[in-house]
Amino acid sequence: RMYLGATLFFGAAVLETLLEELIFGWLGYSEVPRAVDRASMLAFGFVCGAFGNRWYLAHVHRIIEETRALALPEDEHLRALCRLSPNVQTRPVKNV
């Protein structure tokens, strides 16, 4: 489910690029003006920065809720989370 949003977003970026090429080609431009290209890249970057962390956090919360619903003991709960997400640290980090 997490990758559905990313796939839709990537599809929107491809569609936007194709529309830019078609519209500016129809208007007689040999290429898309730099200002338009940079503005669209800035907009896509803003969306990724503003919403990417929220989308990932929602994904992680779903995994945690699904694991808690299994009513496992705490140590089994943590092992299950480690199996579901390779990004979860399995040992404590030492203070440096």
C-alpha atoms as a PDB file:
ATOM      1  CA  ARG A   1       0.000   0.000   0.000  1.00  0.00           C
ATOM      2  CA  MET A   2       2.868   2.372   0.727  1.00  0.00           C
ATOM      3  CA  TYR A   3       4.090   2.223  -2.849  1.00  0.00           C
ATOM      4  CA  LEU A   4       0.723   3.086  -4.370  1.00  0.00           C
ATOM      5  CA  GLY A   5       1.150   6.761  -3.499  1.00  0.00           C
ATOM      6  CA  ALA A   6       4.695   6.787  -4.847  1.00  0.00           C
ATOM      7  CA  THR A   7       3.561   5.126  -8.074  1.00  0.00           C
ATOM      8  CA  LEU A   8       0.724   7.611  -8.517  1.00  0.00           C
ATOM      9  CA  PHE A   9       3.075  10.510  -7.809  1.00  0.00           C
ATOM     10  CA  PHE A  10       5.633   9.212 -10.313  1.00  0.00           C
ATOM     11  CA  GLY A  11       2.866   8.768 -12.883  1.00  0.00           C
ATOM     12  CA  ALA A  12       1.752  12.359 -12.292  1.00  0.00           C
ATOM     13  CA  ALA A  13       5.325  13.565 -12.844  1.00  0.00           C
ATOM     14  CA  VAL A  14       5.579  11.658 -16.129  1.00  0.00           C
ATOM     15  CA  LEU A  15       2.178  12.940 -17.272  1.00  0.00           C
ATOM     16  CA  GLU A  16       3.119  16.505 -16.352  1.00  0.00           C
ATOM     17  CA  THR A  17       6.370  16.215 -18.337  1.00  0.00           C
ATOM     18  CA  LEU A  18       4.524  14.869 -21.384  1.00  0.00           C
ATOM     19  CA  LEU A  19       1.942  17.652 -21.165  1.00  0.00           C
ATOM     20  CA  GLU A  20       4.706  20.256 -20.951  1.00  0.00           C
ATOM     21  CA  GLU A  21       6.336  18.864 -24.096  1.00  0.00           C
ATOM     22  CA  LEU A  22       3.036  18.701 -25.981  1.00  0.00           C
ATOM     23  CA  ILE A  23       1.802  22.146 -24.971  1.00  0.00           C
ATOM     24  CA  PHE A  24       5.049  23.981 -25.582  1.00  0.00           C
ATOM     25  CA  GLY A  25       5.651  22.043 -28.807  1.00  0.00           C
ATOM     26  CA  TRP A  26       2.179  23.048 -29.984  1.00  0.00           C
ATOM     27  CA  LEU A  27       2.963  26.677 -29.074  1.00  0.00           C
ATOM     28  CA  GLY A  28       6.063  26.528 -31.285  1.00  0.00           C
ATOM     29  CA  TYR A  29       8.794  26.268 -28.663  1.00  0.00           C
ATOM     30  CA  SER A  30      11.709  23.966 -29.456  1.00  0.00           C
ATOM     31  CA  GLU A  31      11.913  23.020 -25.752  1.00  0.00           C
ATOM     32  CA  VAL A  32      10.156  23.716 -22.479  1.00  0.00           C
ATOM     33  CA  PRO A  33      11.242  27.078 -21.006  1.00  0.00           C
ATOM     34  CA  ARG A  34      13.656  26.727 -18.108  1.00  0.00           C
ATOM     35  CA  ALA A  35      11.435  28.696 -15.737  1.00  0.00           C
ATOM     36  CA  VAL A  36       8.527  26.287 -16.302  1.00  0.00           C
ATOM     37  CA  ASP A  37      10.783  23.259 -15.951  1.00  0.00           C
ATOM     38  CA  ARG A  38      12.324  24.538 -12.723  1.00  0.00           C
ATOM     39  CA  ALA A  39       8.966  25.581 -11.285  1.00  0.00           C
ATOM     40  CA  SER A  40       7.510  22.119 -11.884  1.00  0.00           C
ATOM     41  CA  MET A  41      10.569  20.434 -10.345  1.00  0.00           C
ATOM     42  CA  LEU A  42      10.321  22.772  -7.352  1.00  0.00           C
ATOM     43  CA  ALA A  43       6.629  21.901  -6.953  1.00  0.00           C
ATOM     44  CA  PHE A  44       7.335  18.154  -7.073  1.00  0.00           C
ATOM     45  CA  GLY A  45      10.202  18.578  -4.631  1.00  0.00           C
ATOM     46  CA  PHE A  46       7.948  20.524  -2.271  1.00  0.00           C
ATOM     47  CA  VAL A  47       5.313  17.775  -2.338  1.00  0.00           C
ATOM     48  CA  CYS A  48       7.939  15.107  -1.625  1.00  0.00           C
ATOM     49  CA  GLY A  49       9.427  17.124   1.218  1.00  0.00           C
ATOM     50  CA  ALA A  50       6.129  18.158   2.743  1.00  0.00           C
ATOM     51  CA  PHE A  51       4.274  14.870   2.493  1.00  0.00           C
ATOM     52  CA  GLY A  52       6.873  12.103   2.108  1.00  0.00           C
ATOM     53  CA  ASN A  53       7.618  11.829   5.817  1.00  0.00           C
ATOM     54  CA  ARG A  54       3.908  11.864   6.667  1.00  0.00           C
ATOM     55  CA  TRP A  55       3.193   9.075   4.203  1.00  0.00           C
ATOM     56  CA  TYR A  56       6.025   6.947   5.575  1.00  0.00           C
ATOM     57  CA  LEU A  57       5.031   7.674   9.191  1.00  0.00           C
ATOM     58  CA  ALA A  58       1.443   6.594   8.431  1.00  0.00           C
ATOM     59  CA  HIS A  59       2.816   3.389   6.898  1.00  0.00           C
ATOM     60  CA  VAL A  60       4.906   2.672  10.002  1.00  0.00           C
ATOM     61  CA  HIS A  61       1.959   3.361  12.321  1.00  0.00           C
ATOM     62  CA  ARG A  62      -0.152   0.874  10.334  1.00  0.00           C
ATOM     63  CA  ILE A  63       2.532  -1.800  10.723  1.00  0.00           C
ATOM     64  CA  ILE A  64       2.783  -1.144  14.472  1.00  0.00           C
ATOM     65  CA  GLU A  65      -1.001  -1.272  14.912  1.00  0.00           C
ATOM     66  CA  GLU A  66      -1.257  -4.527  12.949  1.00  0.00           C
ATOM     67  CA  THR A  67       1.520  -6.042  15.067  1.00  0.00           C
ATOM     68  CA  ARG A  68      -0.052  -4.872  18.340  1.00  0.00           C
ATOM     69  CA  ALA A  69      -3.348  -6.404  17.279  1.00  0.00           C
ATOM     70  CA  LEU A  70      -1.649  -9.817  17.477  1.00  0.00           C
ATOM     71  CA  ALA A  71      -1.398  -9.357  21.285  1.00  0.00           C
ATOM     72  CA  LEU A  72       2.127 -10.780  21.463  1.00  0.00           C
ATOM     73  CA  PRO A  73       4.412 -10.495  24.475  1.00  0.00           C
ATOM     74  CA  GLU A  74       6.688  -7.441  24.286  1.00  0.00           C
ATOM     75  CA  ASP A  75       9.817  -9.266  23.134  1.00  0.00           C
ATOM     76  CA  GLU A  76       7.875 -11.152  20.433  1.00  0.00           C
ATOM     77  CA  HIS A  77       6.219  -7.890  19.417  1.00  0.00           C
ATOM     78  CA  LEU A  78       9.648  -6.296  18.848  1.00  0.00           C
ATOM     79  CA  ARG A  79      10.903  -9.339  16.926  1.00  0.00           C
ATOM     80  CA  ALA A  80       7.846  -9.200  14.681  1.00  0.00           C
ATOM     81  CA  LEU A  81       8.467  -5.511  13.991  1.00  0.00           C
ATOM     82  CA  CYS A  82      12.104  -6.256  13.131  1.00  0.00           C
ATOM     83  CA  ARG A  83      11.000  -8.920  10.654  1.00  0.00           C
ATOM     84  CA  LEU A  84       8.517  -6.540   9.026  1.00  0.00           C
ATOM     85  CA  SER A  85      10.897  -3.603   8.748  1.00  0.00           C
ATOM     86  CA  PRO A  86      14.616  -3.959   8.089  1.00  0.00           C
ATOM     87  CA  ASN A  87      15.095  -0.341   9.235  1.00  0.00           C
ATOM     88  CA  VAL A  88      14.276  -1.134  12.868  1.00  0.00           C
ATOM     89  CA  GLN A  89      17.417  -1.344  14.975  1.00  0.00           C
ATOM     90  CA  THR A  90      17.821  -4.649  16.762  1.00  0.00           C
ATOM     91  CA  ARG A  91      20.286  -3.457  19.408  1.00  0.00           C
ATOM     92  CA  PRO A  92      20.569  -0.272  21.452  1.00  0.00           C
ATOM     93  CA  VAL A  93      22.792   2.536  20.214  1.00  0.00           C
ATOM     94  CA  LYS A  94      25.675   3.469  22.538  1.00  0.00           C
ATOM     95  CA  ASN A  95      26.049   7.055  23.650  1.00  0.00           C
ATOM     96  CA  VAL A  96      29.228   8.500  22.195  1.00  0.00           C
END
